C-alpha atoms as a PDB file:
ATOM      1  CA  MET A   1       7.907  -1.756   0.963  1.00  0.00           C
ATOM      2  CA  ALA A   2       7.874  -5.284   1.535  1.00  0.00           C
ATOM      3  CA  ARG A   3       4.886  -5.609   2.644  1.00  0.00           C
ATOM      4  CA  ALA A   4       2.891  -4.102  -0.526  1.00  0.00           C
ATOM      5  CA  GLU A   5       5.502  -5.978  -2.984  1.00  0.00           C
ATOM      6  CA  ALA A   6       3.213  -9.061  -1.013  1.00  0.00           C
ATOM      7  CA  LEU A   7       0.142  -7.558  -0.643  1.00  0.00           C
ATOM      8  CA  LEU A   8      -0.953  -5.590  -3.946  1.00  0.00           C
ATOM      9  CA  PRO A   9      -0.121  -7.699  -6.571  1.00  0.00           C
ATOM     10  CA  ASP A  10      -2.398 -10.116  -5.378  1.00  0.00           C
ATOM     11  CA  MET A  11      -5.747  -7.229  -4.048  1.00  0.00           C
ATOM     12  CA  LEU A  12      -4.937  -5.388  -7.382  1.00  0.00           C
ATOM     13  CA  GLY A  13      -3.766  -7.611 -10.277  1.00  0.00           C
ATOM     14  CA  VAL A  14      -0.742  -4.726 -10.729  1.00  0.00           C
ATOM     15  CA  SER A  15       3.228  -5.552 -11.034  1.00  0.00           C
ATOM     16  CA  ARG A  16       5.937  -3.246 -10.321  1.00  0.00           C
ATOM     17  CA  THR A  17       6.711  -1.403 -12.824  1.00  0.00           C
ATOM     18  CA  LYS A  18       9.553   0.545 -11.304  1.00  0.00           C
ATOM     19  CA  SER A  19      11.626   1.166  -7.617  1.00  0.00           C
ATOM     20  CA  SER A  20      13.746   2.729  -6.078  1.00  0.00           C
ATOM     21  CA  GLY A  21      15.231   2.916  -2.459  1.00  0.00           C
ATOM     22  CA  HIS A  22      11.843   4.549  -0.887  1.00  0.00           C
ATOM     23  CA  SER A  23       9.299   4.052  -3.514  1.00  0.00           C
ATOM     24  CA  SER A  24       7.510   1.867  -6.201  1.00  0.00           C
ATOM     25  CA  THR A  25       5.015   2.029  -9.313  1.00  0.00           C
ATOM     26  CA  TRP A  26       2.918  -0.807 -10.164  1.00  0.00           C
ATOM     27  CA  THR A  27       1.160  -0.594 -12.640  1.00  0.00           C
ATOM     28  CA  GLY A  28      -2.325  -3.106 -13.927  1.00  0.00           C
ATOM     29  CA  GLU A  29      -6.046  -2.660 -15.436  1.00  0.00           C
ATOM     30  CA  GLU A  30      -7.280  -0.686 -12.714  1.00  0.00           C
ATOM     31  CA  GLY A  31      -4.549   2.061 -12.475  1.00  0.00           C
ATOM     32  CA  VAL A  32      -1.296   2.839 -11.118  1.00  0.00           C
ATOM     33  CA  VAL A  33      -0.122   3.459  -7.842  1.00  0.00           C
ATOM     34  CA  THR A  34       3.231   4.409  -5.947  1.00  0.00           C
ATOM     35  CA  VAL A  35       3.907   3.361  -2.504  1.00  0.00           C
ATOM     36  CA  THR A  36       7.346   5.896  -0.892  1.00  0.00           C
ATOM     37  CA  ALA A  37       8.069   5.211   2.342  1.00  0.00           C
ATOM     38  CA  HIS A  38      10.655   7.335   4.647  1.00  0.00           C
ATOM     39  CA  ARG A  39      12.127   6.177   7.703  1.00  0.00           C
ATOM     40  CA  HIS A  40      12.288   9.429  10.927  1.00  0.00           C
ATOM     41  CA  GLY A  41      12.912   7.426  14.056  1.00  0.00           C
ATOM     42  CA  PRO A  42      11.004   5.024  15.335  1.00  0.00           C
ATOM     43  CA  TYR A  43       7.960   6.036  12.376  1.00  0.00           C
ATOM     44  CA  THR A  44       8.043   5.893   9.150  1.00  0.00           C
ATOM     45  CA  ASP A  45       5.457   7.455   7.146  1.00  0.00           C
ATOM     46  CA  VAL A  46       4.142   5.833   3.631  1.00  0.00           C
ATOM     47  CA  VAL A  47       2.340   7.909   1.297  1.00  0.00           C
ATOM     48  CA  ALA A  48       0.444   5.917  -1.364  1.00  0.00           C
ATOM     49  CA  GLN A  49      -0.970   7.793  -4.388  1.00  0.00           C
ATOM     50  CA  THR A  50      -3.183   6.332  -7.750  1.00  0.00           C
ATOM     51  CA  ASP A  51      -3.987   7.763 -10.364  1.00  0.00           C
ATOM     52  CA  ARG A  52      -7.460   6.950  -9.748  1.00  0.00           C
ATOM     53  CA  LEU A  53     -10.921   8.389  -8.581  1.00  0.00           C
ATOM     54  CA  ARG A  54     -11.184   8.150  -4.419  1.00  0.00           C
ATOM     55  CA  THR A  55     -14.224   6.253  -5.533  1.00  0.00           C
ATOM     56  CA  SER A  56     -12.087   3.743  -7.614  1.00  0.00           C
ATOM     57  CA  ARG A  57     -11.709  -0.116  -7.053  1.00  0.00           C
ATOM     58  CA  MET A  58      -7.779   0.615  -6.406  1.00  0.00           C
ATOM     59  CA  ASP A  59      -8.013   3.297  -4.241  1.00  0.00           C
ATOM     60  CA  TYR A  60     -10.368   1.346  -1.905  1.00  0.00           C
ATOM     61  CA  GLU A  61      -7.892  -1.400  -2.473  1.00  0.00           C
ATOM     62  CA  VAL A  62      -5.013   0.566  -1.535  1.00  0.00           C
ATOM     63  CA  GLN A  63      -7.344   2.450   1.607  1.00  0.00           C
ATOM     64  CA  LYS A  64      -7.380  -1.612   2.826  1.00  0.00           C
ATOM     65  CA  PHE A  65      -4.024  -2.381   2.369  1.00  0.00           C
ATOM     66  CA  LEU A  66      -2.661   0.661   4.306  1.00  0.00           C
ATOM     67  CA  ASN A  67      -5.131   0.400   7.252  1.00  0.00           C
ATOM     68  CA  ARG A  68      -3.201  -3.072   7.729  1.00  0.00           C
ATOM     69  CA  LEU A  69       0.193  -1.560   8.550  1.00  0.00           C
ATOM     70  CA  PRO A  70       0.674  -1.134  12.156  1.00  0.00           C
ATOM     71  CA  TYR A  71       0.185   2.620  13.125  1.00  0.00           C
ATOM     72  CA  GLU A  72       2.426   2.758  15.904  1.00  0.00           C
ATOM     73  CA  PRO A  73       6.158   1.625  17.144  1.00  0.00           C
ATOM     74  CA  GLY A  74       5.063  -2.257  18.645  1.00  0.00           C
ATOM     75  CA  ASP A  75       1.267  -2.653  16.866  1.00  0.00           C
ATOM     76  CA  ARG A  76       0.918  -5.474  15.056  1.00  0.00           C
ATOM     77  CA  GLY A  77      -0.720  -4.131  11.951  1.00  0.00           C
ATOM     78  CA  GLY A  78      -3.592  -6.924  10.376  1.00  0.00           C
ATOM     79  CA  PRO A  79      -6.570  -6.340   8.680  1.00  0.00           C
ATOM     80  CA  GLY A  80      -9.709  -4.733  10.864  1.00  0.00           C
ATOM     81  CA  THR A  81     -11.948  -5.890  13.221  1.00  0.00           C
ATOM     82  CA  GLY A  82     -14.918  -6.443  10.340  1.00  0.00           C
ATOM     83  CA  GLU A  83     -12.161  -7.626   7.207  1.00  0.00           C
ATOM     84  CA  PRO A  84     -10.820 -11.472   6.593  1.00  0.00           C
ATOM     85  CA  SER A  85      -7.754 -12.248   7.562  1.00  0.00           C
END
């Protein structure tokens, strides 16, 4: 959730409008995105939902955000090889 708070406002021009122990919602001109995170042992399931179509700018940026997260324990995460740091 800390990474979402650090990255999503700049990526999407959104501000956090709601937060709980396992989820946060951000709202802006592009739409609404909710990120939930639930830990299961060494893994954490992260799900992002938007109120836009898959082809929207918001969905594209949310996909980029999710790709920056570590995939397995021990992974660093970060931008893909074709993306700027």
